[in-house]
């Protein structure tokens, strides 16, 4: 996803659903840093929160691709993505 597409998503889809006091967690994806994204979130009274990058050298925080926790995270992300696209199963 590129910056303009993400900004359009935030303005047209996400922002209308936000309520004062909501928190929007964003990672280090370049599209999350596009001008206007934070402003659209703050304008609705929500709080943008940058997810701190996890250092790959921290043994307790690394998950291998075969880890059950990793698969659960991937499945959750895919479910959320389908939901936001209107394809909830």
C-alpha atoms as a PDB file:
ATOM      1  CA  UNK A   1       0.000   0.000   0.000  1.00  0.00           C
ATOM      2  CA  UNK A   2       1.326   3.423  -0.869  1.00  0.00           C
ATOM      3  CA  UNK A   3       0.971   6.672   1.036  1.00  0.00           C
ATOM      4  CA  UNK A   4      -1.845   8.303  -0.968  1.00  0.00           C
ATOM      5  CA  UNK A   5      -3.927   5.094  -0.825  1.00  0.00           C
ATOM      6  CA  UNK A   6      -3.442   4.806   2.938  1.00  0.00           C
ATOM      7  CA  UNK A   7      -4.315   8.461   3.462  1.00  0.00           C
ATOM      8  CA  UNK A   8      -7.519   7.958   1.451  1.00  0.00           C
ATOM      9  CA  UNK A   9      -8.331   4.889   3.593  1.00  0.00           C
ATOM     10  CA  UNK A  10      -7.791   6.831   6.811  1.00  0.00           C
ATOM     11  CA  UNK A  11      -9.862   9.805   5.675  1.00  0.00           C
ATOM     12  CA  UNK A  12     -12.723   7.882   4.052  1.00  0.00           C
ATOM     13  CA  UNK A  13     -12.946   4.639   6.037  1.00  0.00           C
ATOM     14  CA  UNK A  14     -11.117   4.771   9.366  1.00  0.00           C
ATOM     15  CA  UNK A  15     -11.664   8.357  10.525  1.00  0.00           C
ATOM     16  CA  UNK A  16     -15.479   8.246  10.281  1.00  0.00           C
ATOM     17  CA  UNK A  17     -15.495   5.304  12.715  1.00  0.00           C
ATOM     18  CA  UNK A  18     -13.202   6.894  15.303  1.00  0.00           C
ATOM     19  CA  UNK A  19     -14.472   8.294  18.583  1.00  0.00           C
ATOM     20  CA  UNK A  20     -12.829  10.725  20.973  1.00  0.00           C
ATOM     21  CA  UNK A  21     -10.320   8.809  23.083  1.00  0.00           C
ATOM     22  CA  UNK A  22      -9.750   5.959  20.589  1.00  0.00           C
ATOM     23  CA  UNK A  23      -6.162   4.896  19.983  1.00  0.00           C
ATOM     24  CA  UNK A  24      -4.874   4.078  16.513  1.00  0.00           C
ATOM     25  CA  UNK A  25      -1.713   1.980  16.554  1.00  0.00           C
ATOM     26  CA  UNK A  26       0.590   2.412  13.575  1.00  0.00           C
ATOM     27  CA  UNK A  27       3.882   0.700  12.892  1.00  0.00           C
ATOM     28  CA  UNK A  28       6.837   1.890  10.842  1.00  0.00           C
ATOM     29  CA  UNK A  29       5.226   1.334   7.434  1.00  0.00           C
ATOM     30  CA  UNK A  30       6.183   4.348   5.287  1.00  0.00           C
ATOM     31  CA  UNK A  31       2.524   4.839   4.312  1.00  0.00           C
ATOM     32  CA  UNK A  32       1.701   5.476   7.982  1.00  0.00           C
ATOM     33  CA  UNK A  33       4.048   8.472   7.970  1.00  0.00           C
ATOM     34  CA  UNK A  34       2.437  10.326   5.055  1.00  0.00           C
ATOM     35  CA  UNK A  35       1.445  13.926   5.736  1.00  0.00           C
ATOM     36  CA  UNK A  36      -2.198  14.155   6.733  1.00  0.00           C
ATOM     37  CA  UNK A  37      -2.588  10.703   8.278  1.00  0.00           C
ATOM     38  CA  UNK A  38      -1.941  11.810  11.860  1.00  0.00           C
ATOM     39  CA  UNK A  39      -3.981  14.977  11.335  1.00  0.00           C
ATOM     40  CA  UNK A  40      -7.025  12.994  10.155  1.00  0.00           C
ATOM     41  CA  UNK A  41      -6.816  10.782  13.254  1.00  0.00           C
ATOM     42  CA  UNK A  42      -6.289  13.648  15.701  1.00  0.00           C
ATOM     43  CA  UNK A  43      -9.114  15.668  14.116  1.00  0.00           C
ATOM     44  CA  UNK A  44     -11.546  12.973  15.285  1.00  0.00           C
ATOM     45  CA  UNK A  45     -10.252  13.150  18.862  1.00  0.00           C
ATOM     46  CA  UNK A  46      -8.335   9.889  18.567  1.00  0.00           C
ATOM     47  CA  UNK A  47      -4.724   9.384  19.516  1.00  0.00           C
ATOM     48  CA  UNK A  48      -2.192   8.050  16.997  1.00  0.00           C
ATOM     49  CA  UNK A  49       0.320   5.771  18.704  1.00  0.00           C
ATOM     50  CA  UNK A  50       3.520   4.666  17.005  1.00  0.00           C
ATOM     51  CA  UNK A  51       4.288   1.028  17.726  1.00  0.00           C
ATOM     52  CA  UNK A  52       7.919   0.790  18.771  1.00  0.00           C
ATOM     53  CA  UNK A  53       9.987  -1.380  16.517  1.00  0.00           C
ATOM     54  CA  UNK A  54      11.146  -4.580  18.195  1.00  0.00           C
ATOM     55  CA  UNK A  55      14.848  -5.189  17.950  1.00  0.00           C
ATOM     56  CA  UNK A  56      15.514  -8.411  16.082  1.00  0.00           C
ATOM     57  CA  UNK A  57      18.407  -9.083  18.429  1.00  0.00           C
ATOM     58  CA  UNK A  58      16.166  -9.375  21.484  1.00  0.00           C
ATOM     59  CA  UNK A  59      15.823 -13.154  21.941  1.00  0.00           C
ATOM     60  CA  UNK A  60      12.630 -12.992  24.001  1.00  0.00           C
ATOM     61  CA  UNK A  61      10.812 -11.029  21.311  1.00  0.00           C
ATOM     62  CA  UNK A  62      11.675 -13.053  18.207  1.00  0.00           C
ATOM     63  CA  UNK A  63       9.141 -15.494  16.791  1.00  0.00           C
ATOM     64  CA  UNK A  64      10.064 -18.028  14.181  1.00  0.00           C
ATOM     65  CA  UNK A  65       7.704 -18.468  11.241  1.00  0.00           C
ATOM     66  CA  UNK A  66       6.816 -21.921  12.579  1.00  0.00           C
ATOM     67  CA  UNK A  67       5.879 -20.600  16.032  1.00  0.00           C
ATOM     68  CA  UNK A  68       2.209 -21.051  17.011  1.00  0.00           C
ATOM     69  CA  UNK A  69       2.184 -17.460  18.323  1.00  0.00           C
ATOM     70  CA  UNK A  70       3.394 -16.180  14.949  1.00  0.00           C
ATOM     71  CA  UNK A  71       0.674 -18.099  13.114  1.00  0.00           C
ATOM     72  CA  UNK A  72      -1.961 -16.732  15.497  1.00  0.00           C
ATOM     73  CA  UNK A  73      -0.745 -13.188  14.887  1.00  0.00           C
ATOM     74  CA  UNK A  74      -0.821 -13.735  11.133  1.00  0.00           C
ATOM     75  CA  UNK A  75      -4.350 -15.205  11.259  1.00  0.00           C
ATOM     76  CA  UNK A  76      -5.569 -12.305  13.396  1.00  0.00           C
ATOM     77  CA  UNK A  77      -4.039  -9.780  11.009  1.00  0.00           C
ATOM     78  CA  UNK A  78      -5.617 -11.527   8.008  1.00  0.00           C
ATOM     79  CA  UNK A  79      -9.029 -11.601   9.763  1.00  0.00           C
ATOM     80  CA  UNK A  80      -8.798  -7.895  10.537  1.00  0.00           C
ATOM     81  CA  UNK A  81      -7.773  -7.143   6.967  1.00  0.00           C
ATOM     82  CA  UNK A  82     -10.736  -9.127   5.553  1.00  0.00           C
ATOM     83  CA  UNK A  83     -13.076  -7.361   7.974  1.00  0.00           C
ATOM     84  CA  UNK A  84     -11.905  -3.935   6.866  1.00  0.00           C
ATOM     85  CA  UNK A  85     -12.340  -4.945   3.233  1.00  0.00           C
ATOM     86  CA  UNK A  86     -15.886  -6.089   3.957  1.00  0.00           C
ATOM     87  CA  UNK A  87     -15.073  -9.754   3.455  1.00  0.00           C
ATOM     88  CA  UNK A  88     -15.524 -10.968   7.025  1.00  0.00           C
ATOM     89  CA  UNK A  89     -15.984 -14.716   7.261  1.00  0.00           C
END
